[in-house]
């Protein structure tokens, strides 16, 4: 199974996935930590993938999304963005709507 297949499978098998540096309990960068805090503030249940534990995933997820940085958030198979976009969406209420499965107003 290729790294791209592994990433696709992870996203397909989990409604909300955060590719991050570290774990939700021990984030290894501030941006990943902020993304976790936002998801937790929304009471979202999510799968977390520690890209530091697997270099193939770390590089592969950047190619998969065509986004150069981690963290990366996926909801319902859709790439949402990195920490700054997640923060903007949270502040506007758009993230909460997406997490609830409702289209943005």
PDB file of N, CA and C in Angstrom:
ATOM      1  N   UNK A   1       0.847  -1.183   0.000  1.00  0.00           N
ATOM      2  CA  UNK A   1       0.000   0.000   0.000  1.00  0.00           C
ATOM      3  C   UNK A   1       0.893   1.248   0.000  1.00  0.00           C
ATOM      4  N   UNK A   2       0.625   2.155  -0.901  1.00  0.00           N
ATOM      5  CA  UNK A   2       1.442   3.369  -0.985  1.00  0.00           C
ATOM      6  C   UNK A   2       1.070   4.326   0.148  1.00  0.00           C
ATOM      7  N   UNK A   3       1.923   5.295   0.371  1.00  0.00           N
ATOM      8  CA  UNK A   3       1.642   6.291   1.408  1.00  0.00           C
ATOM      9  C   UNK A   3       0.383   7.078   1.057  1.00  0.00           C
ATOM     10  N   UNK A   4       0.170   7.346  -0.219  1.00  0.00           N
ATOM     11  CA  UNK A   4      -1.037   8.061  -0.630  1.00  0.00           C
ATOM     12  C   UNK A   4      -2.286   7.227  -0.331  1.00  0.00           C
ATOM     13  N   UNK A   5      -2.201   5.912  -0.540  1.00  0.00           N
ATOM     14  CA  UNK A   5      -3.316   5.019  -0.212  1.00  0.00           C
ATOM     15  C   UNK A   5      -3.577   5.006   1.295  1.00  0.00           C
ATOM     16  N   UNK A   6      -2.502   5.009   2.078  1.00  0.00           N
ATOM     17  CA  UNK A   6      -2.659   5.021   3.541  1.00  0.00           C
ATOM     18  C   UNK A   6      -3.342   6.305   4.002  1.00  0.00           C
ATOM     19  N   UNK A   7      -2.976   7.430   3.406  1.00  0.00           N
ATOM     20  CA  UNK A   7      -3.592   8.711   3.760  1.00  0.00           C
ATOM     21  C   UNK A   7      -5.064   8.707   3.362  1.00  0.00           C
ATOM     22  N   UNK A   8      -5.351   8.259   2.134  1.00  0.00           N
ATOM     23  CA  UNK A   8      -6.746   8.177   1.672  1.00  0.00           C
ATOM     24  C   UNK A   8      -7.575   7.300   2.592  1.00  0.00           C
ATOM     25  N   UNK A   9      -7.030   6.164   2.994  1.00  0.00           N
ATOM     26  CA  UNK A   9      -7.748   5.236   3.858  1.00  0.00           C
ATOM     27  C   UNK A   9      -8.033   5.872   5.227  1.00  0.00           C
ATOM     28  N   UNK A  10      -7.059   6.563   5.778  1.00  0.00           N
ATOM     29  CA  UNK A  10      -7.250   7.231   7.069  1.00  0.00           C
ATOM     30  C   UNK A  10      -8.359   8.265   6.978  1.00  0.00           C
ATOM     31  N   UNK A  11      -8.349   9.050   5.917  1.00  0.00           N
ATOM     32  CA  UNK A  11      -9.369  10.088   5.730  1.00  0.00           C
ATOM     33  C   UNK A  11     -10.741   9.464   5.478  1.00  0.00           C
ATOM     34  N   UNK A  12     -10.773   8.366   4.726  1.00  0.00           N
ATOM     35  CA  UNK A  12     -12.043   7.697   4.420  1.00  0.00           C
ATOM     36  C   UNK A  12     -12.653   7.032   5.655  1.00  0.00           C
ATOM     37  N   UNK A  13     -11.803   6.552   6.561  1.00  0.00           N
ATOM     38  CA  UNK A  13     -12.284   5.805   7.722  1.00  0.00           C
ATOM     39  C   UNK A  13     -12.573   6.662   8.946  1.00  0.00           C
ATOM     40  N   UNK A  14     -12.318   7.965   8.856  1.00  0.00           N
ATOM     41  CA  UNK A  14     -12.529   8.859   9.986  1.00  0.00           C
ATOM     42  C   UNK A  14     -13.200  10.135   9.499  1.00  0.00           C
ATOM     43  N   UNK A  15     -14.287  10.523  10.140  1.00  0.00           N
ATOM     44  CA  UNK A  15     -15.011  11.722   9.702  1.00  0.00           C
ATOM     45  C   UNK A  15     -14.144  12.975   9.833  1.00  0.00           C
ATOM     46  N   UNK A  16     -13.381  13.059  10.933  1.00  0.00           N
ATOM     47  CA  UNK A  16     -12.528  14.219  11.182  1.00  0.00           C
ATOM     48  C   UNK A  16     -11.119  13.701  11.443  1.00  0.00           C
ATOM     49  N   UNK A  17     -10.155  14.200  10.677  1.00  0.00           N
ATOM     50  CA  UNK A  17      -8.764  13.771  10.825  1.00  0.00           C
ATOM     51  C   UNK A  17      -7.875  15.002  10.900  1.00  0.00           C
ATOM     52  N   UNK A  18      -6.984  14.994  11.888  1.00  0.00           N
ATOM     53  CA  UNK A  18      -5.981  16.047  12.015  1.00  0.00           C
ATOM     54  C   UNK A  18      -4.606  15.411  11.873  1.00  0.00           C
ATOM     55  N   UNK A  19      -3.916  15.748  10.793  1.00  0.00           N
ATOM     56  CA  UNK A  19      -2.515  15.367  10.637  1.00  0.00           C
ATOM     57  C   UNK A  19      -1.731  16.450  11.372  1.00  0.00           C
ATOM     58  N   UNK A  20      -0.953  16.046  12.361  1.00  0.00           N
ATOM     59  CA  UNK A  20      -0.311  17.024  13.239  1.00  0.00           C
ATOM     60  C   UNK A  20       1.074  16.561  13.660  1.00  0.00           C
ATOM     61  N   UNK A  21       1.812  17.479  14.258  1.00  0.00           N
ATOM     62  CA  UNK A  21       3.105  17.146  14.849  1.00  0.00           C
ATOM     63  C   UNK A  21       2.852  16.841  16.319  1.00  0.00           C
ATOM     64  N   UNK A  22       3.096  15.578  16.692  1.00  0.00           N
ATOM     65  CA  UNK A  22       2.834  15.149  18.053  1.00  0.00           C
ATOM     66  C   UNK A  22       1.455  14.526  18.165  1.00  0.00           C
ATOM     67  N   UNK A  23       0.955  14.495  19.395  1.00  0.00           N
ATOM     68  CA  UNK A  23      -0.351  13.910  19.682  1.00  0.00           C
ATOM     69  C   UNK A  23      -1.240  14.970  20.324  1.00  0.00           C
ATOM     70  N   UNK A  24      -2.546  14.728  20.368  1.00  0.00           N
ATOM     71  CA  UNK A  24      -3.416  15.715  21.020  1.00  0.00           C
ATOM     72  C   UNK A  24      -3.013  16.003  22.474  1.00  0.00           C
ATOM     73  N   UNK A  25      -2.506  14.991  23.182  1.00  0.00           N
ATOM     74  CA  UNK A  25      -2.089  15.188  24.569  1.00  0.00           C
ATOM     75  C   UNK A  25      -0.701  15.786  24.688  1.00  0.00           C
ATOM     76  N   UNK A  26       0.090  15.688  23.619  1.00  0.00           N
ATOM     77  CA  UNK A  26       1.459  16.211  23.653  1.00  0.00           C
ATOM     78  C   UNK A  26       1.845  16.758  22.278  1.00  0.00           C
ATOM     79  N   UNK A  27       1.219  17.877  21.871  1.00  0.00           N
ATOM     80  CA  UNK A  27       1.563  18.463  20.569  1.00  0.00           C
ATOM     81  C   UNK A  27       3.023  18.913  20.552  1.00  0.00           C
ATOM     82  N   UNK A  28       3.653  18.763  19.391  1.00  0.00           N
ATOM     83  CA  UNK A  28       5.069  19.099  19.251  1.00  0.00           C
ATOM     84  C   UNK A  28       5.310  20.425  18.537  1.00  0.00           C
ATOM     85  N   UNK A  29       4.244  21.171  18.255  1.00  0.00           N
ATOM     86  CA  UNK A  29       4.410  22.527  17.740  1.00  0.00           C
ATOM     87  C   UNK A  29       3.171  23.335  18.119  1.00  0.00           C
ATOM     88  N   UNK A  30       3.328  24.627  18.183  1.00  0.00           N
ATOM     89  CA  UNK A  30       2.245  25.508  18.592  1.00  0.00           C
ATOM     90  C   UNK A  30       1.057  25.474  17.656  1.00  0.00           C
ATOM     91  N   UNK A  31       1.318  25.350  16.360  1.00  0.00           N
ATOM     92  CA  UNK A  31       0.224  25.328  15.387  1.00  0.00           C
ATOM     93  C   UNK A  31      -0.634  24.076  15.555  1.00  0.00           C
ATOM     94  N   UNK A  32       0.022  22.934  15.767  1.00  0.00           N
ATOM     95  CA  UNK A  32      -0.716  21.694  16.010  1.00  0.00           C
ATOM     96  C   UNK A  32      -1.491  21.799  17.320  1.00  0.00           C
ATOM     97  N   UNK A  33      -0.866  22.365  18.334  1.00  0.00           N
ATOM     98  CA  UNK A  33      -1.531  22.540  19.619  1.00  0.00           C
ATOM     99  C   UNK A  33      -2.766  23.417  19.501  1.00  0.00           C
ATOM    100  N   UNK A  34      -2.657  24.482  18.713  1.00  0.00           N
ATOM    101  CA  UNK A  34      -3.798  25.381  18.533  1.00  0.00           C
ATOM    102  C   UNK A  34      -4.936  24.674  17.806  1.00  0.00           C
ATOM    103  N   UNK A  35      -4.621  23.877  16.794  1.00  0.00           N
ATOM    104  CA  UNK A  35      -5.654  23.138  16.065  1.00  0.00           C
ATOM    105  C   UNK A  35      -6.374  22.167  16.995  1.00  0.00           C
ATOM    106  N   UNK A  36      -5.626  21.480  17.857  1.00  0.00           N
ATOM    107  CA  UNK A  36      -6.225  20.558  18.824  1.00  0.00           C
ATOM    108  C   UNK A  36      -7.140  21.325  19.783  1.00  0.00           C
ATOM    109  N   UNK A  37      -6.674  22.458  20.289  1.00  0.00           N
ATOM    110  CA  UNK A  37      -7.489  23.255  21.218  1.00  0.00           C
ATOM    111  C   UNK A  37      -8.799  23.690  20.572  1.00  0.00           C
ATOM    112  N   UNK A  38      -8.746  24.079  19.318  1.00  0.00           N
ATOM    113  CA  UNK A  38      -9.953  24.520  18.613  1.00  0.00           C
ATOM    114  C   UNK A  38     -10.919  23.356  18.459  1.00  0.00           C
ATOM    115  N   UNK A  39     -10.416  22.202  18.027  1.00  0.00           N
ATOM    116  CA  UNK A  39     -11.285  21.036  17.864  1.00  0.00           C
ATOM    117  C   UNK A  39     -11.883  20.613  19.210  1.00  0.00           C
ATOM    118  N   UNK A  40     -11.082  20.664  20.254  1.00  0.00           N
ATOM    119  CA  UNK A  40     -11.589  20.307  21.581  1.00  0.00           C
ATOM    120  C   UNK A  40     -12.619  21.316  22.059  1.00  0.00           C
ATOM    121  N   UNK A  41     -12.434  22.604  21.756  1.00  0.00           N
ATOM    122  CA  UNK A  41     -13.403  23.635  22.126  1.00  0.00           C
ATOM    123  C   UNK A  41     -14.743  23.398  21.429  1.00  0.00           C
ATOM    124  N   UNK A  42     -14.701  22.745  20.278  1.00  0.00           N
ATOM    125  CA  UNK A  42     -15.918  22.415  19.518  1.00  0.00           C
ATOM    126  C   UNK A  42     -16.481  21.048  19.914  1.00  0.00           C
ATOM    127  N   UNK A  43     -15.878  20.396  20.912  1.00  0.00           N
ATOM    128  CA  UNK A  43     -16.276  19.049  21.333  1.00  0.00           C
ATOM    129  C   UNK A  43     -16.246  18.045  20.187  1.00  0.00           C
ATOM    130  N   UNK A  44     -15.291  18.219  19.284  1.00  0.00           N
ATOM    131  CA  UNK A  44     -15.178  17.339  18.122  1.00  0.00           C
ATOM    132  C   UNK A  44     -14.380  16.090  18.482  1.00  0.00           C
ATOM    133  N   UNK A  45     -14.909  14.931  18.081  1.00  0.00           N
ATOM    134  CA  UNK A  45     -14.142  13.701  18.180  1.00  0.00           C
ATOM    135  C   UNK A  45     -13.376  13.559  16.883  1.00  0.00           C
ATOM    136  N   UNK A  46     -12.069  13.410  16.975  1.00  0.00           N
ATOM    137  CA  UNK A  46     -11.255  13.370  15.769  1.00  0.00           C
ATOM    138  C   UNK A  46     -10.125  12.370  15.904  1.00  0.00           C
ATOM    139  N   UNK A  47      -9.694  11.877  14.745  1.00  0.00           N
ATOM    140  CA  UNK A  47      -8.514  11.017  14.685  1.00  0.00           C
ATOM    141  C   UNK A  47      -7.306  11.927  14.473  1.00  0.00           C
ATOM    142  N   UNK A  48      -6.254  11.647  15.194  1.00  0.00           N
ATOM    143  CA  UNK A  48      -5.028  12.416  15.049  1.00  0.00           C
ATOM    144  C   UNK A  48      -3.931  11.505  14.510  1.00  0.00           C
ATOM    145  N   UNK A  49      -3.178  12.018  13.550  1.00  0.00           N
ATOM    146  CA  UNK A  49      -2.067  11.281  12.966  1.00  0.00           C
ATOM    147  C   UNK A  49      -0.797  12.081  13.236  1.00  0.00           C
ATOM    148  N   UNK A  50       0.125  11.484  13.990  1.00  0.00           N
ATOM    149  CA  UNK A  50       1.389  12.135  14.328  1.00  0.00           C
ATOM    150  C   UNK A  50       2.358  11.973  13.157  1.00  0.00           C
ATOM    151  N   UNK A  51       2.561  13.052  12.411  1.00  0.00           N
ATOM    152  CA  UNK A  51       3.437  12.974  11.239  1.00  0.00           C
ATOM    153  C   UNK A  51       4.910  12.823  11.628  1.00  0.00           C
ATOM    154  N   UNK A  52       5.254  13.144  12.876  1.00  0.00           N
ATOM    155  CA  UNK A  52       6.639  12.988  13.312  1.00  0.00           C
ATOM    156  C   UNK A  52       6.990  11.520  13.512  1.00  0.00           C
ATOM    157  N   UNK A  53       5.975  10.674  13.676  1.00  0.00           N
ATOM    158  CA  UNK A  53       6.203   9.243  13.881  1.00  0.00           C
ATOM    159  C   UNK A  53       6.377   8.496  12.563  1.00  0.00           C
ATOM    160  N   UNK A  54       6.077   9.160  11.439  1.00  0.00           N
ATOM    161  CA  UNK A  54       6.144   8.494  10.138  1.00  0.00           C
ATOM    162  C   UNK A  54       6.509   9.518   9.063  1.00  0.00           C
ATOM    163  N   UNK A  55       7.764   9.499   8.660  1.00  0.00           N
ATOM    164  CA  UNK A  55       8.244  10.486   7.684  1.00  0.00           C
ATOM    165  C   UNK A  55       7.551  10.358   6.336  1.00  0.00           C
ATOM    166  N   UNK A  56       7.145   9.150   5.956  1.00  0.00           N
ATOM    167  CA  UNK A  56       6.423   8.994   4.688  1.00  0.00           C
ATOM    168  C   UNK A  56       5.090   9.744   4.744  1.00  0.00           C
ATOM    169  N   UNK A  57       4.395   9.613   5.859  1.00  0.00           N
ATOM    170  CA  UNK A  57       3.124  10.336   6.026  1.00  0.00           C
ATOM    171  C   UNK A  57       3.391  11.834   6.083  1.00  0.00           C
ATOM    172  N   UNK A  58       4.445  12.234   6.790  1.00  0.00           N
ATOM    173  CA  UNK A  58       4.758  13.667   6.930  1.00  0.00           C
ATOM    174  C   UNK A  58       4.918  14.329   5.564  1.00  0.00           C
ATOM    175  N   UNK A  59       5.665  13.695   4.678  1.00  0.00           N
ATOM    176  CA  UNK A  59       5.860  14.268   3.344  1.00  0.00           C
ATOM    177  C   UNK A  59       4.671  13.972   2.434  1.00  0.00           C
ATOM    178  N   UNK A  60       4.106  12.781   2.584  1.00  0.00           N
ATOM    179  CA  UNK A  60       3.010  12.366   1.718  1.00  0.00           C
ATOM    180  C   UNK A  60       1.766  13.211   1.873  1.00  0.00           C
ATOM    181  N   UNK A  61       1.461  13.637   3.100  1.00  0.00           N
ATOM    182  CA  UNK A  61       0.246  14.422   3.313  1.00  0.00           C
ATOM    183  C   UNK A  61       0.382  15.803   2.671  1.00  0.00           C
ATOM    184  N   UNK A  62       1.592  16.320   2.615  1.00  0.00           N
ATOM    185  CA  UNK A  62       1.818  17.613   1.952  1.00  0.00           C
ATOM    186  C   UNK A  62       1.557  17.497   0.452  1.00  0.00           C
ATOM    187  N   UNK A  63       1.975  16.387  -0.137  1.00  0.00           N
ATOM    188  CA  UNK A  63       1.718  16.147  -1.555  1.00  0.00           C
ATOM    189  C   UNK A  63       0.246  15.864  -1.795  1.00  0.00           C
ATOM    190  N   UNK A  64      -0.375  15.107  -0.888  1.00  0.00           N
ATOM    191  CA  UNK A  64      -1.770  14.719  -1.017  1.00  0.00           C
ATOM    192  C   UNK A  64      -2.681  15.946  -1.116  1.00  0.00           C
ATOM    193  N   UNK A  65      -2.418  16.937  -0.274  1.00  0.00           N
ATOM    194  CA  UNK A  65      -3.278  18.122  -0.209  1.00  0.00           C
ATOM    195  C   UNK A  65      -2.754  19.286  -1.041  1.00  0.00           C
ATOM    196  N   UNK A  66      -1.520  19.181  -1.514  1.00  0.00           N
ATOM    197  CA  UNK A  66      -0.836  20.311  -2.153  1.00  0.00           C
ATOM    198  C   UNK A  66      -0.751  21.493  -1.193  1.00  0.00           C
ATOM    199  N   UNK A  67      -0.575  21.182   0.090  1.00  0.00           N
ATOM    200  CA  UNK A  67      -0.454  22.198   1.146  1.00  0.00           C
ATOM    201  C   UNK A  67       0.886  21.953   1.829  1.00  0.00           C
ATOM    202  N   UNK A  68       1.755  22.961   1.944  1.00  0.00           N
ATOM    203  CA  UNK A  68       3.138  22.707   2.348  1.00  0.00           C
ATOM    204  C   UNK A  68       3.390  22.504   3.834  1.00  0.00           C
ATOM    205  N   UNK A  69       2.381  22.695   4.685  1.00  0.00           N
ATOM    206  CA  UNK A  69       2.645  22.650   6.119  1.00  0.00           C
ATOM    207  C   UNK A  69       1.694  21.706   6.850  1.00  0.00           C
ATOM    208  N   UNK A  70       2.058  21.391   8.071  1.00  0.00           N
ATOM    209  CA  UNK A  70       1.265  20.590   8.999  1.00  0.00           C
ATOM    210  C   UNK A  70       1.063  21.479  10.220  1.00  0.00           C
ATOM    211  N   UNK A  71      -0.098  21.508  10.847  1.00  0.00           N
ATOM    212  CA  UNK A  71      -1.191  20.552  10.764  1.00  0.00           C
ATOM    213  C   UNK A  71      -2.066  20.740   9.535  1.00  0.00           C
ATOM    214  N   UNK A  72      -2.823  19.669   9.255  1.00  0.00           N
ATOM    215  CA  UNK A  72      -3.817  19.682   8.179  1.00  0.00           C
ATOM    216  C   UNK A  72      -5.080  19.013   8.705  1.00  0.00           C
ATOM    217  N   UNK A  73      -6.205  19.696   8.515  1.00  0.00           N
ATOM    218  CA  UNK A  73      -7.483  19.181   8.990  1.00  0.00           C
ATOM    219  C   UNK A  73      -8.344  18.743   7.820  1.00  0.00           C
ATOM    220  N   UNK A  74      -8.953  17.567   7.965  1.00  0.00           N
ATOM    221  CA  UNK A  74      -9.897  17.024   6.987  1.00  0.00           C
ATOM    222  C   UNK A  74     -11.215  16.751   7.707  1.00  0.00           C
ATOM    223  N   UNK A  75     -12.323  17.171   7.097  1.00  0.00           N
ATOM    224  CA  UNK A  75     -13.650  16.881   7.616  1.00  0.00           C
ATOM    225  C   UNK A  75     -14.470  16.287   6.473  1.00  0.00           C
ATOM    226  N   UNK A  76     -15.063  15.136   6.723  1.00  0.00           N
ATOM    227  CA  UNK A  76     -15.872  14.442   5.709  1.00  0.00           C
ATOM    228  C   UNK A  76     -15.110  14.287   4.392  1.00  0.00           C
ATOM    229  N   UNK A  77     -13.815  13.956   4.490  1.00  0.00           N
ATOM    230  CA  UNK A  77     -12.999  13.719   3.310  1.00  0.00           C
ATOM    231  C   UNK A  77     -12.485  14.969   2.628  1.00  0.00           C
ATOM    232  N   UNK A  78     -12.882  16.132   3.120  1.00  0.00           N
ATOM    233  CA  UNK A  78     -12.495  17.404   2.490  1.00  0.00           C
ATOM    234  C   UNK A  78     -11.338  18.040   3.241  1.00  0.00           C
ATOM    235  N   UNK A  79     -10.315  18.464   2.505  1.00  0.00           N
ATOM    236  CA  UNK A  79      -9.209  19.199   3.118  1.00  0.00           C
ATOM    237  C   UNK A  79      -9.711  20.582   3.505  1.00  0.00           C
ATOM    238  N   UNK A  80      -9.583  20.918   4.784  1.00  0.00           N
ATOM    239  CA  UNK A  80     -10.048  22.204   5.291  1.00  0.00           C
ATOM    240  C   UNK A  80      -8.926  23.230   5.269  1.00  0.00           C
ATOM    241  N   UNK A  81      -7.766  22.861   5.794  1.00  0.00           N
ATOM    242  CA  UNK A  81      -6.640  23.789   5.804  1.00  0.00           C
ATOM    243  C   UNK A  81      -5.754  23.553   7.007  1.00  0.00           C
ATOM    244  N   UNK A  82      -4.877  24.523   7.212  1.00  0.00           N
ATOM    245  CA  UNK A  82      -3.955  24.475   8.330  1.00  0.00           C
ATOM    246  C   UNK A  82      -4.471  25.267   9.516  1.00  0.00           C
ATOM    247  N   UNK A  83      -3.586  25.524  10.448  1.00  0.00           N
ATOM    248  CA  UNK A  83      -3.946  26.147  11.713  1.00  0.00           C
ATOM    249  C   UNK A  83      -4.612  27.512  11.545  1.00  0.00           C
ATOM    250  N   UNK A  84      -4.070  28.360  10.694  1.00  0.00           N
ATOM    251  CA  UNK A  84      -4.629  29.708  10.529  1.00  0.00           C
ATOM    252  C   UNK A  84      -6.040  29.659   9.944  1.00  0.00           C
ATOM    253  N   UNK A  85      -6.252  28.810   8.957  1.00  0.00           N
ATOM    254  CA  UNK A  85      -7.579  28.688   8.343  1.00  0.00           C
ATOM    255  C   UNK A  85      -8.565  28.105   9.339  1.00  0.00           C
ATOM    256  N   UNK A  86      -8.140  27.110  10.106  1.00  0.00           N
ATOM    257  CA  UNK A  86      -9.002  26.513  11.119  1.00  0.00           C
ATOM    258  C   UNK A  86      -9.392  27.578  12.149  1.00  0.00           C
ATOM    259  N   UNK A  87      -8.447  28.420  12.552  1.00  0.00           N
ATOM    260  CA  UNK A  87      -8.736  29.486  13.517  1.00  0.00           C
ATOM    261  C   UNK A  87      -9.737  30.494  12.938  1.00  0.00           C
ATOM    262  N   UNK A  88      -9.524  30.897  11.693  1.00  0.00           N
ATOM    263  CA  UNK A  88     -10.451  31.845  11.057  1.00  0.00           C
ATOM    264  C   UNK A  88     -11.856  31.255  10.960  1.00  0.00           C
ATOM    265  N   UNK A  89     -11.943  29.988  10.573  1.00  0.00           N
ATOM    266  CA  UNK A  89     -13.245  29.335  10.450  1.00  0.00           C
ATOM    267  C   UNK A  89     -13.924  29.200  11.818  1.00  0.00           C
ATOM    268  N   UNK A  90     -13.131  28.926  12.845  1.00  0.00           N
ATOM    269  CA  UNK A  90     -13.667  28.818  14.202  1.00  0.00           C
ATOM    270  C   UNK A  90     -14.230  30.168  14.653  1.00  0.00           C
ATOM    271  N   UNK A  91     -13.476  31.230  14.420  1.00  0.00           N
ATOM    272  CA  UNK A  91     -13.902  32.566  14.851  1.00  0.00           C
ATOM    273  C   UNK A  91     -15.166  33.020  14.119  1.00  0.00           C
ATOM    274  N   UNK A  92     -15.336  32.590  12.883  1.00  0.00           N
ATOM    275  CA  UNK A  92     -16.513  33.001  12.105  1.00  0.00           C
ATOM    276  C   UNK A  92     -17.722  32.094  12.355  1.00  0.00           C
ATOM    277  N   UNK A  93     -17.491  30.940  13.005  1.00  0.00           N
ATOM    278  CA  UNK A  93     -18.566  29.983  13.242  1.00  0.00           C
ATOM    279  C   UNK A  93     -18.694  28.947  12.133  1.00  0.00           C
ATOM    280  N   UNK A  94     -17.953  29.129  11.059  1.00  0.00           N
ATOM    281  CA  UNK A  94     -18.033  28.203   9.928  1.00  0.00           C
ATOM    282  C   UNK A  94     -17.546  26.804  10.305  1.00  0.00           C
ATOM    283  N   UNK A  95     -16.514  26.731  11.127  1.00  0.00           N
ATOM    284  CA  UNK A  95     -15.968  25.425  11.516  1.00  0.00           C
ATOM    285  C   UNK A  95     -17.004  24.632  12.323  1.00  0.00           C
ATOM    286  N   UNK A  96     -17.675  25.296  13.251  1.00  0.00           N
ATOM    287  CA  UNK A  96     -18.669  24.616  14.073  1.00  0.00           C
ATOM    288  C   UNK A  96     -19.789  24.056  13.175  1.00  0.00           C
ATOM    289  N   UNK A  97     -20.190  24.800  12.162  1.00  0.00           N
ATOM    290  CA  UNK A  97     -21.213  24.329  11.243  1.00  0.00           C
ATOM    291  C   UNK A  97     -20.739  23.098  10.464  1.00  0.00           C
ATOM    292  N   UNK A  98     -19.480  23.149  10.009  1.00  0.00           N
ATOM    293  CA  UNK A  98     -18.930  22.015   9.254  1.00  0.00           C
ATOM    294  C   UNK A  98     -18.815  20.786  10.141  1.00  0.00           C
ATOM    295  N   UNK A  99     -18.390  20.987  11.364  1.00  0.00           N
ATOM    296  CA  UNK A  99     -18.256  19.870  12.299  1.00  0.00           C
ATOM    297  C   UNK A  99     -19.620  19.263  12.616  1.00  0.00           C
ATOM    298  N   UNK A 100     -20.645  20.097  12.616  1.00  0.00           N
ATOM    299  CA  UNK A 100     -22.005  19.616  12.885  1.00  0.00           C
ATOM    300  C   UNK A 100     -22.639  19.002  11.645  1.00  0.00           C
ATOM    301  N   UNK A 101     -21.943  19.082  10.498  1.00  0.00           N
ATOM    302  CA  UNK A 101     -22.452  18.504   9.270  1.00  0.00           C
ATOM    303  C   UNK A 101     -23.423  19.407   8.540  1.00  0.00           C
ATOM    304  N   UNK A 102     -23.409  20.691   8.896  1.00  0.00           N
ATOM    305  CA  UNK A 102     -24.291  21.657   8.239  1.00  0.00           C
ATOM    306  C   UNK A 102     -23.485  22.504   7.280  1.00  0.00           C
ATOM    307  N   UNK A 103     -24.072  22.885   6.145  1.00  0.00           N
ATOM    308  CA  UNK A 103     -23.373  23.788   5.228  1.00  0.00           C
ATOM    309  C   UNK A 103     -23.218  25.168   5.849  1.00  0.00           C
ATOM    310  N   UNK A 104     -22.165  25.850   5.478  1.00  0.00           N
ATOM    311  CA  UNK A 104     -21.942  27.215   5.972  1.00  0.00           C
ATOM    312  C   UNK A 104     -23.048  28.129   5.455  1.00  0.00           C
ATOM    313  N   UNK A 105     -23.428  29.069   6.300  1.00  0.00           N
ATOM    314  CA  UNK A 105     -24.514  29.997   5.931  1.00  0.00           C
ATOM    315  C   UNK A 105     -24.041  30.992   4.894  1.00  0.00           C
TER     316      UNK A 105
END
